[in-house]
Structures are given as C-alpha cells and as structure tokens.
Amino acid sequence: MASPHVAGAAGLIKTLHPDWGPAAIRSAIMTTATPRDTRNSPILEFNGTKATPLEYGSGPLSPNSAMDPGPVYELSLYDYSGYLSNRHCRESMVERFVNPESTQKVPVPEII
C-alpha cells in the first residue's frame, strides 16, 4: 500500500517544484520521512523487536514535510555513470545508460 501513497506525494511535490527531477523528489521524500511510528515510538518488527533502517527503509512518509524539505540532492546522468563505473559495470552498459541514442563513446568519470 506504500506505492500509491509515495506516488501521490511525488506528484504533489512535482506540482509544487516542477523544476525538480526524480532524484530531488526522492531526496525530499526520503529525508523528511521519520523513523518513528504515529505514536512517536520506534518502529517495531512483527515480533515486537525494534526494526532497523534496512527493515523499515526511510520510515513513514511525511508528505507535508516533503513539500518543503530544505536541501535536496539532485543527481545527474554523470553521477549515475560514476556509480555504475564504481560498481564495475561494463563500459558498454554505462555508455548505453548515459547516452542510449549515441554510438560514440561517452566519457565515464574515474572513481578514485
């Protein structure tokens, strides 16, 4: 049930900030989510133990906060190509991702 709520929040954010790309919208949603439940208690697992961020993600959605999140992180294709290169993806795959219409080589940033 989270997907339609997050999609709706993303649509609202895009309406308020039409110049933001997908990465900025995702940043706004993730950085304003809270790791606490509606009673302001830590999020728990089904067995009552405290959940970890890997289990609850960014936390419950806070659409009102996401509308005005403060700084957001926008990523470009250049940033993603650096990430893919660092993950040891084949150069041909990175090239198609960065510039799918081009047949020429696209420079891929080196990760130090």
PDB file of N, CA and C in Angstrom:
ATOM      1  N   MET A   1       0.806  -1.189   0.000  1.00  0.00           N
ATOM      2  CA  MET A   1       0.000   0.000   0.000  1.00  0.00           C
ATOM      3  C   MET A   1       0.856   1.262   0.000  1.00  0.00           C
ATOM      4  N   ALA A   2       2.156   1.113   0.216  1.00  0.00           N
ATOM      5  CA  ALA A   2       3.019   2.298   0.252  1.00  0.00           C
ATOM      6  C   ALA A   2       3.173   2.935  -1.127  1.00  0.00           C
ATOM      7  N   SER A   3       3.217   2.125  -2.179  1.00  0.00           N
ATOM      8  CA  SER A   3       3.477   2.664  -3.520  1.00  0.00           C
ATOM      9  C   SER A   3       2.507   3.760  -3.941  1.00  0.00           C
ATOM     10  N   PRO A   4       1.191   3.568  -3.811  1.00  0.00           N
ATOM     11  CA  PRO A   4       0.307   4.658  -4.239  1.00  0.00           C
ATOM     12  C   PRO A   4       0.445   5.916  -3.390  1.00  0.00           C
ATOM     13  N   HIS A   5       0.763   5.753  -2.124  1.00  0.00           N
ATOM     14  CA  HIS A   5       0.946   6.936  -1.278  1.00  0.00           C
ATOM     15  C   HIS A   5       2.197   7.706  -1.678  1.00  0.00           C
ATOM     16  N   VAL A   6       3.274   6.996  -1.905  1.00  0.00           N
ATOM     17  CA  VAL A   6       4.521   7.649  -2.311  1.00  0.00           C
ATOM     18  C   VAL A   6       4.364   8.272  -3.699  1.00  0.00           C
ATOM     19  N   ALA A   7       3.684   7.588  -4.605  1.00  0.00           N
ATOM     20  CA  ALA A   7       3.457   8.139  -5.950  1.00  0.00           C
ATOM     21  C   ALA A   7       2.624   9.413  -5.870  1.00  0.00           C
ATOM     22  N   GLY A   8       1.613   9.418  -5.013  1.00  0.00           N
ATOM     23  CA  GLY A   8       0.799  10.616  -4.837  1.00  0.00           C
ATOM     24  C   GLY A   8       1.606  11.764  -4.271  1.00  0.00           C
ATOM     25  N   ALA A   9       2.438  11.475  -3.273  1.00  0.00           N
ATOM     26  CA  ALA A   9       3.295  12.514  -2.692  1.00  0.00           C
ATOM     27  C   ALA A   9       4.268  13.044  -3.739  1.00  0.00           C
ATOM     28  N   ALA A  10       4.825  12.144  -4.556  1.00  0.00           N
ATOM     29  CA  ALA A  10       5.751  12.569  -5.614  1.00  0.00           C
ATOM     30  C   ALA A  10       5.042  13.482  -6.605  1.00  0.00           C
ATOM     31  N   GLY A  11       3.791  13.160  -6.947  1.00  0.00           N
ATOM     32  CA  GLY A  11       3.015  14.016  -7.847  1.00  0.00           C
ATOM     33  C   GLY A  11       2.773  15.396  -7.257  1.00  0.00           C
ATOM     34  N   LEU A  12       2.463  15.446  -5.971  1.00  0.00           N
ATOM     35  CA  LEU A  12       2.262  16.741  -5.310  1.00  0.00           C
ATOM     36  C   LEU A  12       3.547  17.559  -5.288  1.00  0.00           C
ATOM     37  N   ILE A  13       4.653  16.892  -4.990  1.00  0.00           N
ATOM     38  CA  ILE A  13       5.945  17.591  -4.953  1.00  0.00           C
ATOM     39  C   ILE A  13       6.295  18.128  -6.335  1.00  0.00           C
ATOM     40  N   LYS A  14       6.067  17.324  -7.366  1.00  0.00           N
ATOM     41  CA  LYS A  14       6.362  17.746  -8.743  1.00  0.00           C
ATOM     42  C   LYS A  14       5.503  18.946  -9.134  1.00  0.00           C
ATOM     43  N   THR A  15       4.261  18.999  -8.628  1.00  0.00           N
ATOM     44  CA  THR A  15       3.395  20.140  -8.900  1.00  0.00           C
ATOM     45  C   THR A  15       3.946  21.410  -8.257  1.00  0.00           C
ATOM     46  N   LEU A  16       4.435  21.289  -7.025  1.00  0.00           N
ATOM     47  CA  LEU A  16       4.988  22.449  -6.330  1.00  0.00           C
ATOM     48  C   LEU A  16       6.372  22.840  -6.832  1.00  0.00           C
ATOM     49  N   HIS A  17       7.138  21.856  -7.293  1.00  0.00           N
ATOM     50  CA  HIS A  17       8.519  22.086  -7.737  1.00  0.00           C
ATOM     51  C   HIS A  17       8.719  21.457  -9.118  1.00  0.00           C
ATOM     52  N   PRO A  18       8.139  22.062 -10.162  1.00  0.00           N
ATOM     53  CA  PRO A  18       8.217  21.442 -11.496  1.00  0.00           C
ATOM     54  C   PRO A  18       9.632  21.324 -12.052  1.00  0.00           C
ATOM     55  N   ASP A  19      10.572  22.077 -11.504  1.00  0.00           N
ATOM     56  CA  ASP A  19      11.952  22.020 -11.996  1.00  0.00           C
ATOM     57  C   ASP A  19      12.757  20.895 -11.355  1.00  0.00           C
ATOM     58  N   TRP A  20      12.217  20.216 -10.368  1.00  0.00           N
ATOM     59  CA  TRP A  20      12.926  19.126  -9.706  1.00  0.00           C
ATOM     60  C   TRP A  20      12.842  17.852 -10.533  1.00  0.00           C
ATOM     61  N   GLY A  21      13.934  17.139 -10.578  1.00  0.00           N
ATOM     62  CA  GLY A  21      13.968  15.849 -11.253  1.00  0.00           C
ATOM     63  C   GLY A  21      13.617  14.722 -10.283  1.00  0.00           C
ATOM     64  N   PRO A  22      13.610  13.482 -10.776  1.00  0.00           N
ATOM     65  CA  PRO A  22      13.268  12.339  -9.933  1.00  0.00           C
ATOM     66  C   PRO A  22      14.159  12.188  -8.703  1.00  0.00           C
ATOM     67  N   ALA A  23      15.456  12.474  -8.844  1.00  0.00           N
ATOM     68  CA  ALA A  23      16.363  12.313  -7.700  1.00  0.00           C
ATOM     69  C   ALA A  23      16.047  13.326  -6.601  1.00  0.00           C
ATOM     70  N   ALA A  24      15.711  14.556  -6.974  1.00  0.00           N
ATOM     71  CA  ALA A  24      15.375  15.575  -5.975  1.00  0.00           C
ATOM     72  C   ALA A  24      14.070  15.225  -5.269  1.00  0.00           C
ATOM     73  N   ILE A  25      13.102  14.720  -6.008  1.00  0.00           N
ATOM     74  CA  ILE A  25      11.827  14.323  -5.405  1.00  0.00           C
ATOM     75  C   ILE A  25      12.047  13.161  -4.438  1.00  0.00           C
ATOM     76  N   ARG A  26      12.827  12.199  -4.869  1.00  0.00           N
ATOM     77  CA  ARG A  26      13.141  11.069  -3.985  1.00  0.00           C
ATOM     78  C   ARG A  26      13.875  11.559  -2.730  1.00  0.00           C
ATOM     79  N   SER A  27      14.803  12.476  -2.909  1.00  0.00           N
ATOM     80  CA  SER A  27      15.539  13.034  -1.782  1.00  0.00           C
ATOM     81  C   SER A  27      14.597  13.710  -0.799  1.00  0.00           C
ATOM     82  N   ALA A  28      13.654  14.507  -1.307  1.00  0.00           N
ATOM     83  CA  ALA A  28      12.701  15.196  -0.437  1.00  0.00           C
ATOM     84  C   ALA A  28      11.867  14.198   0.358  1.00  0.00           C
ATOM     85  N   ILE A  29      11.420  13.143  -0.297  1.00  0.00           N
ATOM     86  CA  ILE A  29      10.588  12.140   0.380  1.00  0.00           C
ATOM     87  C   ILE A  29      11.397  11.379   1.425  1.00  0.00           C
ATOM     88  N   MET A  30      12.607  10.967   1.066  1.00  0.00           N
ATOM     89  CA  MET A  30      13.405  10.145   1.967  1.00  0.00           C
ATOM     90  C   MET A  30      13.950  10.935   3.157  1.00  0.00           C
ATOM     91  N   THR A  31      14.377  12.173   2.931  1.00  0.00           N
ATOM     92  CA  THR A  31      14.986  12.926   4.028  1.00  0.00           C
ATOM     93  C   THR A  31      13.962  13.490   5.009  1.00  0.00           C
ATOM     94  N   THR A  32      12.690  13.511   4.631  1.00  0.00           N
ATOM     95  CA  THR A  32      11.662  14.001   5.551  1.00  0.00           C
ATOM     96  C   THR A  32      10.863  12.876   6.185  1.00  0.00           C
ATOM     97  N   ALA A  33      11.121  11.643   5.799  1.00  0.00           N
ATOM     98  CA  ALA A  33      10.450  10.505   6.440  1.00  0.00           C
ATOM     99  C   ALA A  33      10.956  10.390   7.873  1.00  0.00           C
ATOM    100  N   THR A  34      10.159   9.777   8.707  1.00  0.00           N
ATOM    101  CA  THR A  34      10.531   9.673  10.113  1.00  0.00           C
ATOM    102  C   THR A  34      10.740   8.222  10.527  1.00  0.00           C
ATOM    103  N   PRO A  35      11.726   7.952  11.361  1.00  0.00           N
ATOM    104  CA  PRO A  35      11.955   6.571  11.812  1.00  0.00           C
ATOM    105  C   PRO A  35      11.064   6.193  13.003  1.00  0.00           C
ATOM    106  N   ARG A  36       9.991   6.972  13.230  1.00  0.00           N
ATOM    107  CA  ARG A  36       9.097   6.696  14.354  1.00  0.00           C
ATOM    108  C   ARG A  36       7.683   6.485  13.833  1.00  0.00           C
ATOM    109  N   ASP A  37       6.888   5.757  14.579  1.00  0.00           N
ATOM    110  CA  ASP A  37       5.518   5.486  14.156  1.00  0.00           C
ATOM    111  C   ASP A  37       4.580   6.635  14.548  1.00  0.00           C
ATOM    112  N   THR A  38       3.284   6.455  14.341  1.00  0.00           N
ATOM    113  CA  THR A  38       2.314   7.523  14.605  1.00  0.00           C
ATOM    114  C   THR A  38       2.176   7.858  16.086  1.00  0.00           C
ATOM    115  N   ARG A  39       2.640   6.979  16.960  1.00  0.00           N
ATOM    116  CA  ARG A  39       2.622   7.250  18.405  1.00  0.00           C
ATOM    117  C   ARG A  39       3.958   7.816  18.882  1.00  0.00           C
ATOM    118  N   ASN A  40       4.838   8.139  17.932  1.00  0.00           N
ATOM    119  CA  ASN A  40       6.182   8.652  18.191  1.00  0.00           C
ATOM    120  C   ASN A  40       7.062   7.630  18.913  1.00  0.00           C
ATOM    121  N   SER A  41       6.782   6.369  18.689  1.00  0.00           N
ATOM    122  CA  SER A  41       7.584   5.275  19.237  1.00  0.00           C
ATOM    123  C   SER A  41       8.453   4.705  18.123  1.00  0.00           C
ATOM    124  N   PRO A  42       9.557   4.034  18.468  1.00  0.00           N
ATOM    125  CA  PRO A  42      10.374   3.393  17.426  1.00  0.00           C
ATOM    126  C   PRO A  42       9.544   2.380  16.643  1.00  0.00           C
ATOM    127  N   ILE A  43       9.854   2.252  15.363  1.00  0.00           N
ATOM    128  CA  ILE A  43       9.162   1.274  14.520  1.00  0.00           C
ATOM    129  C   ILE A  43       9.600  -0.120  14.959  1.00  0.00           C
ATOM    130  N   LEU A  44       8.625  -1.005  15.093  1.00  0.00           N
ATOM    131  CA  LEU A  44       8.899  -2.356  15.585  1.00  0.00           C
ATOM    132  C   LEU A  44       8.707  -3.393  14.499  1.00  0.00           C
ATOM    133  N   GLU A  45       9.412  -4.497  14.649  1.00  0.00           N
ATOM    134  CA  GLU A  45       9.224  -5.668  13.806  1.00  0.00           C
ATOM    135  C   GLU A  45       7.940  -6.372  14.226  1.00  0.00           C
ATOM    136  N   PHE A  46       7.499  -7.341  13.435  1.00  0.00           N
ATOM    137  CA  PHE A  46       6.275  -8.078  13.746  1.00  0.00           C
ATOM    138  C   PHE A  46       6.344  -8.787  15.093  1.00  0.00           C
ATOM    139  N   ASN A  47       7.550  -9.131  15.543  1.00  0.00           N
ATOM    140  CA  ASN A  47       7.701  -9.845  16.817  1.00  0.00           C
ATOM    141  C   ASN A  47       7.930  -8.906  18.009  1.00  0.00           C
ATOM    142  N   GLY A  48       7.856  -7.587  17.772  1.00  0.00           N
ATOM    143  CA  GLY A  48       7.979  -6.619  18.855  1.00  0.00           C
ATOM    144  C   GLY A  48       9.368  -6.045  19.067  1.00  0.00           C
ATOM    145  N   THR A  49      10.371  -6.552  18.335  1.00  0.00           N
ATOM    146  CA  THR A  49      11.722  -6.015  18.477  1.00  0.00           C
ATOM    147  C   THR A  49      11.858  -4.740  17.629  1.00  0.00           C
ATOM    148  N   LYS A  50      12.776  -3.883  18.016  1.00  0.00           N
ATOM    149  CA  LYS A  50      12.991  -2.634  17.287  1.00  0.00           C
ATOM    150  C   LYS A  50      13.522  -2.929  15.885  1.00  0.00           C
ATOM    151  N   ALA A  51      12.896  -2.330  14.879  1.00  0.00           N
ATOM    152  CA  ALA A  51      13.306  -2.535  13.492  1.00  0.00           C
ATOM    153  C   ALA A  51      14.535  -1.686  13.170  1.00  0.00           C
ATOM    154  N   THR A  52      15.298  -2.148  12.199  1.00  0.00           N
ATOM    155  CA  THR A  52      16.467  -1.401  11.739  1.00  0.00           C
ATOM    156  C   THR A  52      16.096  -0.623  10.477  1.00  0.00           C
ATOM    157  N   PRO A  53      16.903   0.371  10.077  1.00  0.00           N
ATOM    158  CA  PRO A  53      16.619   1.095   8.834  1.00  0.00           C
ATOM    159  C   PRO A  53      16.531   0.177   7.612  1.00  0.00           C
ATOM    160  N   LEU A  54      17.246  -0.917   7.604  1.00  0.00           N
ATOM    161  CA  LEU A  54      17.149  -1.843   6.477  1.00  0.00           C
ATOM    162  C   LEU A  54      15.787  -2.516   6.438  1.00  0.00           C
ATOM    163  N   GLU A  55      15.100  -2.567   7.557  1.00  0.00           N
ATOM    164  CA  GLU A  55      13.796  -3.208   7.616  1.00  0.00           C
ATOM    165  C   GLU A  55      12.652  -2.229   7.350  1.00  0.00           C
ATOM    166  N   TYR A  56      12.796  -0.967   7.740  1.00  0.00           N
ATOM    167  CA  TYR A  56      11.702  -0.022   7.511  1.00  0.00           C
ATOM    168  C   TYR A  56      12.020   1.030   6.454  1.00  0.00           C
ATOM    169  N   GLY A  57      13.167   0.968   5.823  1.00  0.00           N
ATOM    170  CA  GLY A  57      13.514   1.939   4.784  1.00  0.00           C
ATOM    171  C   GLY A  57      13.781   3.307   5.373  1.00  0.00           C
ATOM    172  N   SER A  58      13.243   4.334   4.774  1.00  0.00           N
ATOM    173  CA  SER A  58      13.431   5.685   5.291  1.00  0.00           C
ATOM    174  C   SER A  58      12.455   5.988   6.416  1.00  0.00           C
ATOM    175  N   GLY A  59      11.424   5.192   6.527  1.00  0.00           N
ATOM    176  CA  GLY A  59      10.416   5.406   7.561  1.00  0.00           C
ATOM    177  C   GLY A  59       9.102   5.837   6.955  1.00  0.00           C
ATOM    178  N   PRO A  60       8.109   6.078   7.800  1.00  0.00           N
ATOM    179  CA  PRO A  60       6.804   6.505   7.301  1.00  0.00           C
ATOM    180  C   PRO A  60       6.879   7.834   6.550  1.00  0.00           C
ATOM    181  N   LEU A  61       6.110   7.909   5.487  1.00  0.00           N
ATOM    182  CA  LEU A  61       6.041   9.084   4.628  1.00  0.00           C
ATOM    183  C   LEU A  61       5.479  10.279   5.393  1.00  0.00           C
ATOM    184  N   SER A  62       6.071  11.436   5.156  1.00  0.00           N
ATOM    185  CA  SER A  62       5.596  12.681   5.751  1.00  0.00           C
ATOM    186  C   SER A  62       5.386  13.693   4.622  1.00  0.00           C
ATOM    187  N   PRO A  63       4.241  13.587   3.902  1.00  0.00           N
ATOM    188  CA  PRO A  63       4.048  14.414   2.706  1.00  0.00           C
ATOM    189  C   PRO A  63       4.130  15.913   2.962  1.00  0.00           C
ATOM    190  N   ASN A  64       3.584  16.389   4.081  1.00  0.00           N
ATOM    191  CA  ASN A  64       3.635  17.831   4.354  1.00  0.00           C
ATOM    192  C   ASN A  64       5.072  18.312   4.496  1.00  0.00           C
ATOM    193  N   SER A  65       5.905  17.532   5.165  1.00  0.00           N
ATOM    194  CA  SER A  65       7.316  17.906   5.305  1.00  0.00           C
ATOM    195  C   SER A  65       8.047  17.829   3.974  1.00  0.00           C
ATOM    196  N   ALA A  66       7.676  16.870   3.145  1.00  0.00           N
ATOM    197  CA  ALA A  66       8.348  16.679   1.854  1.00  0.00           C
ATOM    198  C   ALA A  66       8.075  17.828   0.880  1.00  0.00           C
ATOM    199  N   MET A  67       7.010  18.571   1.103  1.00  0.00           N
ATOM    200  CA  MET A  67       6.699  19.701   0.218  1.00  0.00           C
ATOM    201  C   MET A  67       7.726  20.822   0.365  1.00  0.00           C
ATOM    202  N   ASP A  68       8.316  20.954   1.555  1.00  0.00           N
ATOM    203  CA  ASP A  68       9.331  21.976   1.815  1.00  0.00           C
ATOM    204  C   ASP A  68      10.450  21.348   2.647  1.00  0.00           C
ATOM    205  N   PRO A  69      11.272  20.508   2.005  1.00  0.00           N
ATOM    206  CA  PRO A  69      12.223  19.685   2.750  1.00  0.00           C
ATOM    207  C   PRO A  69      13.519  20.349   3.154  1.00  0.00           C
ATOM    208  N   GLY A  70      13.791  21.539   2.668  1.00  0.00           N
ATOM    209  CA  GLY A  70      15.114  22.114   2.854  1.00  0.00           C
ATOM    210  C   GLY A  70      15.990  21.658   1.695  1.00  0.00           C
ATOM    211  N   PRO A  71      17.272  21.420   1.925  1.00  0.00           N
ATOM    212  CA  PRO A  71      18.145  20.994   0.825  1.00  0.00           C
ATOM    213  C   PRO A  71      17.721  19.636   0.255  1.00  0.00           C
ATOM    214  N   VAL A  72      17.769  19.524  -1.055  1.00  0.00           N
ATOM    215  CA  VAL A  72      17.510  18.245  -1.717  1.00  0.00           C
ATOM    216  C   VAL A  72      18.735  17.885  -2.542  1.00  0.00           C
ATOM    217  N   TYR A  73      18.879  16.632  -2.831  1.00  0.00           N
ATOM    218  CA  TYR A  73      20.046  16.139  -3.557  1.00  0.00           C
ATOM    219  C   TYR A  73      19.620  15.733  -4.955  1.00  0.00           C
ATOM    220  N   GLU A  74      20.094  16.471  -5.942  1.00  0.00           N
ATOM    221  CA  GLU A  74      19.781  16.178  -7.336  1.00  0.00           C
ATOM    222  C   GLU A  74      20.973  15.465  -7.951  1.00  0.00           C
ATOM    223  N   LEU A  75      20.713  14.410  -8.662  1.00  0.00           N
ATOM    224  CA  LEU A  75      21.767  13.652  -9.330  1.00  0.00           C
ATOM    225  C   LEU A  75      21.600  13.785 -10.833  1.00  0.00           C
ATOM    226  N   SER A  76      22.713  13.755 -11.528  1.00  0.00           N
ATOM    227  CA  SER A  76      22.690  13.826 -12.987  1.00  0.00           C
ATOM    228  C   SER A  76      23.095  12.475 -13.566  1.00  0.00           C
ATOM    229  N   LEU A  77      23.002  12.363 -14.878  1.00  0.00           N
ATOM    230  CA  LEU A  77      23.465  11.140 -15.533  1.00  0.00           C
ATOM    231  C   LEU A  77      24.950  10.921 -15.276  1.00  0.00           C
ATOM    232  N   TYR A  78      25.702  12.005 -15.161  1.00  0.00           N
ATOM    233  CA  TYR A  78      27.126  11.904 -14.874  1.00  0.00           C
ATOM    234  C   TYR A  78      27.347  11.232 -13.522  1.00  0.00           C
ATOM    235  N   ASP A  79      26.523  11.593 -12.521  1.00  0.00           N
ATOM    236  CA  ASP A  79      26.633  10.980 -11.192  1.00  0.00           C
ATOM    237  C   ASP A  79      26.318   9.483 -11.260  1.00  0.00           C
ATOM    238  N   TYR A  80      25.261   9.146 -11.989  1.00  0.00           N
ATOM    239  CA  TYR A  80      24.894   7.738 -12.110  1.00  0.00           C
ATOM    240  C   TYR A  80      25.952   6.938 -12.871  1.00  0.00           C
ATOM    241  N   SER A  81      26.564   7.561 -13.889  1.00  0.00           N
ATOM    242  CA  SER A  81      27.592   6.834 -14.635  1.00  0.00           C
ATOM    243  C   SER A  81      28.796   6.554 -13.744  1.00  0.00           C
ATOM    244  N   GLY A  82      29.137   7.496 -12.866  1.00  0.00           N
ATOM    245  CA  GLY A  82      30.218   7.268 -11.904  1.00  0.00           C
ATOM    246  C   GLY A  82      29.885   6.119 -10.967  1.00  0.00           C
ATOM    247  N   TYR A  83      28.640   6.073 -10.516  1.00  0.00           N
ATOM    248  CA  TYR A  83      28.206   4.994  -9.638  1.00  0.00           C
ATOM    249  C   TYR A  83      28.311   3.644 -10.359  1.00  0.00           C
ATOM    250  N   LEU A  84      27.806   3.581 -11.588  1.00  0.00           N
ATOM    251  CA  LEU A  84      27.857   2.323 -12.341  1.00  0.00           C
ATOM    252  C   LEU A  84      29.297   1.902 -12.601  1.00  0.00           C
ATOM    253  N   SER A  85      30.164   2.857 -12.897  1.00  0.00           N
ATOM    254  CA  SER A  85      31.569   2.526 -13.123  1.00  0.00           C
ATOM    255  C   SER A  85      32.197   1.971 -11.855  1.00  0.00           C
ATOM    256  N   ASN A  86      31.865   2.576 -10.737  1.00  0.00           N
ATOM    257  CA  ASN A  86      32.398   2.124  -9.459  1.00  0.00           C
ATOM    258  C   ASN A  86      31.892   0.733  -9.095  1.00  0.00           C
ATOM    259  N   ARG A  87      30.724   0.371  -9.608  1.00  0.00           N
ATOM    260  CA  ARG A  87      30.155  -0.951  -9.352  1.00  0.00           C
ATOM    261  C   ARG A  87      30.684  -1.977 -10.364  1.00  0.00           C
ATOM    262  N   HIS A  88      31.681  -1.590 -11.135  1.00  0.00           N
ATOM    263  CA  HIS A  88      32.359  -2.464 -12.099  1.00  0.00           C
ATOM    264  C   HIS A  88      31.430  -2.936 -13.207  1.00  0.00           C
ATOM    265  N   CYS A  89      30.531  -2.056 -13.641  1.00  0.00           N
ATOM    266  CA  CYS A  89      29.688  -2.382 -14.788  1.00  0.00           C
ATOM    267  C   CYS A  89      30.525  -2.259 -16.056  1.00  0.00           C
ATOM    268  N   ARG A  90      30.160  -3.015 -17.061  1.00  0.00           N
ATOM    269  CA  ARG A  90      30.869  -2.937 -18.332  1.00  0.00           C
ATOM    270  C   ARG A  90      30.711  -1.541 -18.925  1.00  0.00           C
ATOM    271  N   GLU A  91      31.770  -1.065 -19.565  1.00  0.00           N
ATOM    272  CA  GLU A  91      31.745   0.275 -20.160  1.00  0.00           C
ATOM    273  C   GLU A  91      30.615   0.420 -21.169  1.00  0.00           C
ATOM    274  N   SER A  92      30.331  -0.626 -21.942  1.00  0.00           N
ATOM    275  CA  SER A  92      29.260  -0.554 -22.936  1.00  0.00           C
ATOM    276  C   SER A  92      27.900  -0.351 -22.267  1.00  0.00           C
ATOM    277  N   MET A  93      27.714  -0.942 -21.101  1.00  0.00           N
ATOM    278  CA  MET A  93      26.462  -0.771 -20.380  1.00  0.00           C
ATOM    279  C   MET A  93      26.335   0.656 -19.851  1.00  0.00           C
ATOM    280  N   VAL A  94      27.418   1.182 -19.297  1.00  0.00           N
ATOM    281  CA  VAL A  94      27.410   2.551 -18.784  1.00  0.00           C
ATOM    282  C   VAL A  94      27.151   3.512 -19.931  1.00  0.00           C
ATOM    283  N   GLU A  95      27.772   3.286 -21.074  1.00  0.00           N
ATOM    284  CA  GLU A  95      27.604   4.158 -22.231  1.00  0.00           C
ATOM    285  C   GLU A  95      26.153   4.179 -22.698  1.00  0.00           C
ATOM    286  N   ARG A  96      25.504   3.035 -22.747  1.00  0.00           N
ATOM    287  CA  ARG A  96      24.092   2.983 -23.155  1.00  0.00           C
ATOM    288  C   ARG A  96      23.202   3.697 -22.153  1.00  0.00           C
ATOM    289  N   PHE A  97      23.540   3.588 -20.878  1.00  0.00           N
ATOM    290  CA  PHE A  97      22.743   4.236 -19.840  1.00  0.00           C
ATOM    291  C   PHE A  97      22.851   5.755 -19.936  1.00  0.00           C
ATOM    292  N   VAL A  98      24.060   6.240 -20.106  1.00  0.00           N
ATOM    293  CA  VAL A  98      24.291   7.678 -20.130  1.00  0.00           C
ATOM    294  C   VAL A  98      23.775   8.304 -21.410  1.00  0.00           C
ATOM    295  N   ASN A  99      23.966   7.645 -22.542  1.00  0.00           N
ATOM    296  CA  ASN A  99      23.592   8.219 -23.821  1.00  0.00           C
ATOM    297  C   ASN A  99      23.093   7.117 -24.753  1.00  0.00           C
ATOM    298  N   PRO A 100      21.839   6.655 -24.572  1.00  0.00           N
ATOM    299  CA  PRO A 100      21.360   5.497 -25.326  1.00  0.00           C
ATOM    300  C   PRO A 100      21.255   5.722 -26.834  1.00  0.00           C
ATOM    301  N   GLU A 101      21.143   6.958 -27.295  1.00  0.00           N
ATOM    302  CA  GLU A 101      20.996   7.238 -28.723  1.00  0.00           C
ATOM    303  C   GLU A 101      22.332   7.346 -29.449  1.00  0.00           C
ATOM    304  N   SER A 102      23.396   7.512 -28.695  1.00  0.00           N
ATOM    305  CA  SER A 102      24.701   7.763 -29.288  1.00  0.00           C
ATOM    306  C   SER A 102      25.438   6.464 -29.590  1.00  0.00           C
ATOM    307  N   THR A 103      26.197   6.493 -30.671  1.00  0.00           N
ATOM    308  CA  THR A 103      27.059   5.349 -30.992  1.00  0.00           C
ATOM    309  C   THR A 103      28.505   5.666 -30.636  1.00  0.00           C
ATOM    310  N   GLN A 104      28.771   6.914 -30.255  1.00  0.00           N
ATOM    311  CA  GLN A 104      30.138   7.276 -29.891  1.00  0.00           C
ATOM    312  C   GLN A 104      30.360   7.082 -28.400  1.00  0.00           C
ATOM    313  N   LYS A 105      31.613   7.024 -28.038  1.00  0.00           N
ATOM    314  CA  LYS A 105      31.985   6.814 -26.644  1.00  0.00           C
ATOM    315  C   LYS A 105      31.611   8.028 -25.796  1.00  0.00           C
ATOM    316  N   VAL A 106      31.106   7.755 -24.618  1.00  0.00           N
ATOM    317  CA  VAL A 106      30.789   8.802 -23.660  1.00  0.00           C
ATOM    318  C   VAL A 106      31.809   8.711 -22.548  1.00  0.00           C
ATOM    319  N   PRO A 107      32.476   9.835 -22.199  1.00  0.00           N
ATOM    320  CA  PRO A 107      33.464   9.751 -21.135  1.00  0.00           C
ATOM    321  C   PRO A 107      32.809   9.360 -19.800  1.00  0.00           C
ATOM    322  N   VAL A 108      33.404   8.412 -19.135  1.00  0.00           N
ATOM    323  CA  VAL A 108      32.909   7.940 -17.850  1.00  0.00           C
ATOM    324  C   VAL A 108      33.880   8.426 -16.789  1.00  0.00           C
ATOM    325  N   PRO A 109      33.395   9.067 -15.726  1.00  0.00           N
ATOM    326  CA  PRO A 109      34.308   9.585 -14.713  1.00  0.00           C
ATOM    327  C   PRO A 109      35.032   8.485 -13.987  1.00  0.00           C
ATOM    328  N   GLU A 110      36.280   8.766 -13.633  1.00  0.00           N
ATOM    329  CA  GLU A 110      37.047   7.795 -12.849  1.00  0.00           C
ATOM    330  C   GLU A 110      36.755   7.979 -11.380  1.00  0.00           C
ATOM    331  N   ILE A 111      36.608   6.892 -10.672  1.00  0.00           N
ATOM    332  CA  ILE A 111      36.400   6.943  -9.238  1.00  0.00           C
ATOM    333  C   ILE A 111      37.752   6.647  -8.581  1.00  0.00           C
ATOM    334  N   ILE A 112      38.169   7.562  -7.742  1.00  0.00           N
ATOM    335  CA  ILE A 112      39.480   7.400  -7.088  1.00  0.00           C
ATOM    336  C   ILE A 112      39.300   6.668  -5.789  1.00  0.00           C
TER     337      ILE A 112
END
